[in-house]
Amino acid sequence: MASDRIRQVNELLRNEFALEFSRSLELPEGSVISITKVSTSPDMRNATIFVSILPDNKAGSLLKSIRTQLPSISREVASRVVLRSVPKIKVTIDDNERKAAHIESLLDSLKES
């Protein structure tokens, strides 16, 4: 279980990166990126940002765009937050919603049988 400090850092990073994503990223019409979770390592040197990207067919190209712009986005966030150092950030797709929808459709198909 994460300490209170880790939870606070996760929330701070989630809010600041969400704000900077909305400012810095040019999204194609009808695309949405949301940060679903941030997970910071216990030593606070690394953090993973989990994102949900809609529509699914744009996920690969938008994730590549985020990763390309991540160094400048991280510098901007580092200039605003009060931390000794901003953790090294990794961005990955959060596919929990997709997995849940798949499981739900499987359960629905079992009900119909």
C-alpha atoms as a PDB file:
ATOM      1  CA  MET A   1       0.000   0.000   0.000  1.00  0.00           C
ATOM      2  CA  ALA A   2       1.351   3.392  -0.993  1.00  0.00           C
ATOM      3  CA  SER A   3       2.314   5.876   1.672  1.00  0.00           C
ATOM      4  CA  ASP A   4       0.433   9.136   2.036  1.00  0.00           C
ATOM      5  CA  ARG A   5       3.360  10.997   0.465  1.00  0.00           C
ATOM      6  CA  ILE A   6       3.366   8.726  -2.603  1.00  0.00           C
ATOM      7  CA  ARG A   7      -0.412   9.200  -2.955  1.00  0.00           C
ATOM      8  CA  GLN A   8       0.034  12.976  -2.767  1.00  0.00           C
ATOM      9  CA  VAL A   9       2.791  12.908  -5.385  1.00  0.00           C
ATOM     10  CA  ASN A  10       0.687  10.657  -7.641  1.00  0.00           C
ATOM     11  CA  GLU A  11      -2.237  13.079  -7.443  1.00  0.00           C
ATOM     12  CA  LEU A  12      -0.022  16.122  -7.980  1.00  0.00           C
ATOM     13  CA  LEU A  13       1.610  14.550 -11.038  1.00  0.00           C
ATOM     14  CA  ARG A  14      -1.744  13.405 -12.395  1.00  0.00           C
ATOM     15  CA  ASN A  15      -3.198  16.920 -12.169  1.00  0.00           C
ATOM     16  CA  GLU A  16      -0.120  18.710 -13.530  1.00  0.00           C
ATOM     17  CA  PHE A  17       0.471  16.335 -16.433  1.00  0.00           C
ATOM     18  CA  ALA A  18      -3.239  16.403 -17.343  1.00  0.00           C
ATOM     19  CA  LEU A  19      -3.077  20.191 -17.455  1.00  0.00           C
ATOM     20  CA  GLU A  20       0.092  20.169 -19.537  1.00  0.00           C
ATOM     21  CA  PHE A  21      -1.239  17.489 -21.907  1.00  0.00           C
ATOM     22  CA  SER A  22      -4.282  19.682 -22.562  1.00  0.00           C
ATOM     23  CA  ARG A  23      -2.026  22.675 -23.254  1.00  0.00           C
ATOM     24  CA  SER A  24       0.703  21.000 -25.286  1.00  0.00           C
ATOM     25  CA  LEU A  25      -0.860  18.186 -27.288  1.00  0.00           C
ATOM     26  CA  GLU A  26      -2.658  18.820 -30.563  1.00  0.00           C
ATOM     27  CA  LEU A  27      -5.319  16.124 -30.724  1.00  0.00           C
ATOM     28  CA  PRO A  28      -7.089  15.083 -33.925  1.00  0.00           C
ATOM     29  CA  GLU A  29     -10.797  15.907 -34.090  1.00  0.00           C
ATOM     30  CA  GLY A  30     -12.814  13.543 -31.900  1.00  0.00           C
ATOM     31  CA  SER A  31      -9.818  12.216 -29.941  1.00  0.00           C
ATOM     32  CA  VAL A  32      -9.603  12.226 -26.156  1.00  0.00           C
ATOM     33  CA  ILE A  33      -6.692  11.499 -23.831  1.00  0.00           C
ATOM     34  CA  SER A  34      -7.269  11.093 -20.116  1.00  0.00           C
ATOM     35  CA  ILE A  35      -4.863  10.165 -17.355  1.00  0.00           C
ATOM     36  CA  THR A  36      -6.420   7.296 -15.452  1.00  0.00           C
ATOM     37  CA  LYS A  37      -3.691   6.726 -12.882  1.00  0.00           C
ATOM     38  CA  VAL A  38      -0.161   7.647 -11.872  1.00  0.00           C
ATOM     39  CA  SER A  39       2.058   5.150 -10.087  1.00  0.00           C
ATOM     40  CA  THR A  40       5.238   6.475  -8.477  1.00  0.00           C
ATOM     41  CA  SER A  41       8.003   4.168  -7.266  1.00  0.00           C
ATOM     42  CA  PRO A  42       8.691   4.121  -3.508  1.00  0.00           C
ATOM     43  CA  ASP A  43      11.988   5.995  -4.014  1.00  0.00           C
ATOM     44  CA  MET A  44      10.106   8.614  -6.107  1.00  0.00           C
ATOM     45  CA  ARG A  45      12.646   8.404  -8.918  1.00  0.00           C
ATOM     46  CA  ASN A  46      10.276   6.871 -11.475  1.00  0.00           C
ATOM     47  CA  ALA A  47       6.604   7.232 -12.237  1.00  0.00           C
ATOM     48  CA  THR A  48       4.284   5.637 -14.757  1.00  0.00           C
ATOM     49  CA  ILE A  49       1.385   7.619 -16.179  1.00  0.00           C
ATOM     50  CA  PHE A  50      -1.463   5.427 -17.385  1.00  0.00           C
ATOM     51  CA  VAL A  51      -3.532   7.017 -20.142  1.00  0.00           C
ATOM     52  CA  SER A  52      -6.778   6.131 -21.827  1.00  0.00           C
ATOM     53  CA  ILE A  53      -6.973   7.178 -25.479  1.00  0.00           C
ATOM     54  CA  LEU A  54     -10.145   7.274 -27.525  1.00  0.00           C
ATOM     55  CA  PRO A  55     -10.823   6.220 -30.200  1.00  0.00           C
ATOM     56  CA  ASP A  56      -8.776   3.028 -29.916  1.00  0.00           C
ATOM     57  CA  ASN A  57      -7.577   3.217 -33.523  1.00  0.00           C
ATOM     58  CA  LYS A  58      -5.694   6.471 -32.715  1.00  0.00           C
ATOM     59  CA  ALA A  59      -4.021   5.122 -29.556  1.00  0.00           C
ATOM     60  CA  GLY A  60      -0.717   4.147 -31.166  1.00  0.00           C
ATOM     61  CA  SER A  61      -0.112   7.420 -32.996  1.00  0.00           C
ATOM     62  CA  LEU A  62      -1.220   9.570 -30.046  1.00  0.00           C
ATOM     63  CA  LEU A  63       0.935   7.604 -27.595  1.00  0.00           C
ATOM     64  CA  LYS A  64       3.910   8.114 -29.918  1.00  0.00           C
ATOM     65  CA  SER A  65       3.140  11.854 -30.000  1.00  0.00           C
ATOM     66  CA  ILE A  66       2.978  11.985 -26.187  1.00  0.00           C
ATOM     67  CA  ARG A  67       6.280  10.151 -25.851  1.00  0.00           C
ATOM     68  CA  THR A  68       7.937  12.478 -28.387  1.00  0.00           C
ATOM     69  CA  GLN A  69       6.816  15.573 -26.473  1.00  0.00           C
ATOM     70  CA  LEU A  70       7.314  14.082 -22.998  1.00  0.00           C
ATOM     71  CA  PRO A  71      10.715  15.712 -22.277  1.00  0.00           C
ATOM     72  CA  SER A  72       9.373  19.241 -22.850  1.00  0.00           C
ATOM     73  CA  ILE A  73       6.124  18.458 -21.018  1.00  0.00           C
ATOM     74  CA  SER A  74       8.118  17.073 -18.060  1.00  0.00           C
ATOM     75  CA  ARG A  75      10.312  20.202 -17.946  1.00  0.00           C
ATOM     76  CA  GLU A  76       7.210  22.399 -17.888  1.00  0.00           C
ATOM     77  CA  VAL A  77       5.666  20.362 -15.061  1.00  0.00           C
ATOM     78  CA  ALA A  78       8.986  20.396 -13.146  1.00  0.00           C
ATOM     79  CA  SER A  79       9.018  24.196 -13.283  1.00  0.00           C
ATOM     80  CA  ARG A  80       5.608  24.347 -11.575  1.00  0.00           C
ATOM     81  CA  VAL A  81       5.665  21.628  -8.926  1.00  0.00           C
ATOM     82  CA  VAL A  82       7.411  21.767  -5.574  1.00  0.00           C
ATOM     83  CA  LEU A  83       9.362  18.521  -5.424  1.00  0.00           C
ATOM     84  CA  ARG A  84      13.073  17.873  -4.951  1.00  0.00           C
ATOM     85  CA  SER A  85      13.023  16.347  -8.399  1.00  0.00           C
ATOM     86  CA  VAL A  86      10.261  15.257 -10.736  1.00  0.00           C
ATOM     87  CA  PRO A  87      10.367  11.496 -11.231  1.00  0.00           C
ATOM     88  CA  LYS A  88      11.444  10.074 -14.582  1.00  0.00           C
ATOM     89  CA  ILE A  89       8.139   9.617 -16.395  1.00  0.00           C
ATOM     90  CA  LYS A  90       6.999   6.682 -18.494  1.00  0.00           C
ATOM     91  CA  VAL A  91       3.639   6.784 -20.300  1.00  0.00           C
ATOM     92  CA  THR A  92       1.667   3.644 -21.059  1.00  0.00           C
ATOM     93  CA  ILE A  93      -1.831   2.746 -22.225  1.00  0.00           C
ATOM     94  CA  ASP A  94      -4.269   1.768 -19.474  1.00  0.00           C
ATOM     95  CA  ASP A  95      -6.197  -1.088 -20.998  1.00  0.00           C
ATOM     96  CA  ASN A  96      -8.236  -1.972 -17.894  1.00  0.00           C
ATOM     97  CA  GLU A  97     -11.409  -0.512 -19.414  1.00  0.00           C
ATOM     98  CA  ARG A  98     -10.933  -2.549 -22.588  1.00  0.00           C
ATOM     99  CA  LYS A  99     -10.328  -5.710 -20.550  1.00  0.00           C
ATOM    100  CA  ALA A 100     -13.417  -5.020 -18.415  1.00  0.00           C
ATOM    101  CA  ALA A 101     -15.569  -4.499 -21.525  1.00  0.00           C
ATOM    102  CA  HIS A 102     -14.280  -7.776 -22.973  1.00  0.00           C
ATOM    103  CA  ILE A 103     -15.066  -9.670 -19.775  1.00  0.00           C
ATOM    104  CA  GLU A 104     -18.511  -8.073 -19.638  1.00  0.00           C
ATOM    105  CA  SER A 105     -19.247  -9.115 -23.230  1.00  0.00           C
ATOM    106  CA  LEU A 106     -18.118 -12.671 -22.417  1.00  0.00           C
ATOM    107  CA  LEU A 107     -20.429 -12.750 -19.394  1.00  0.00           C
ATOM    108  CA  ASP A 108     -23.294 -11.407 -21.518  1.00  0.00           C
ATOM    109  CA  SER A 109     -22.707 -14.121 -24.108  1.00  0.00           C
ATOM    110  CA  LEU A 110     -22.831 -16.755 -21.344  1.00  0.00           C
ATOM    111  CA  LYS A 111     -26.175 -15.367 -20.132  1.00  0.00           C
ATOM    112  CA  GLU A 112     -27.581 -15.647 -23.665  1.00  0.00           C
ATOM    113  CA  SER A 113     -26.512 -19.311 -23.957  1.00  0.00           C
END
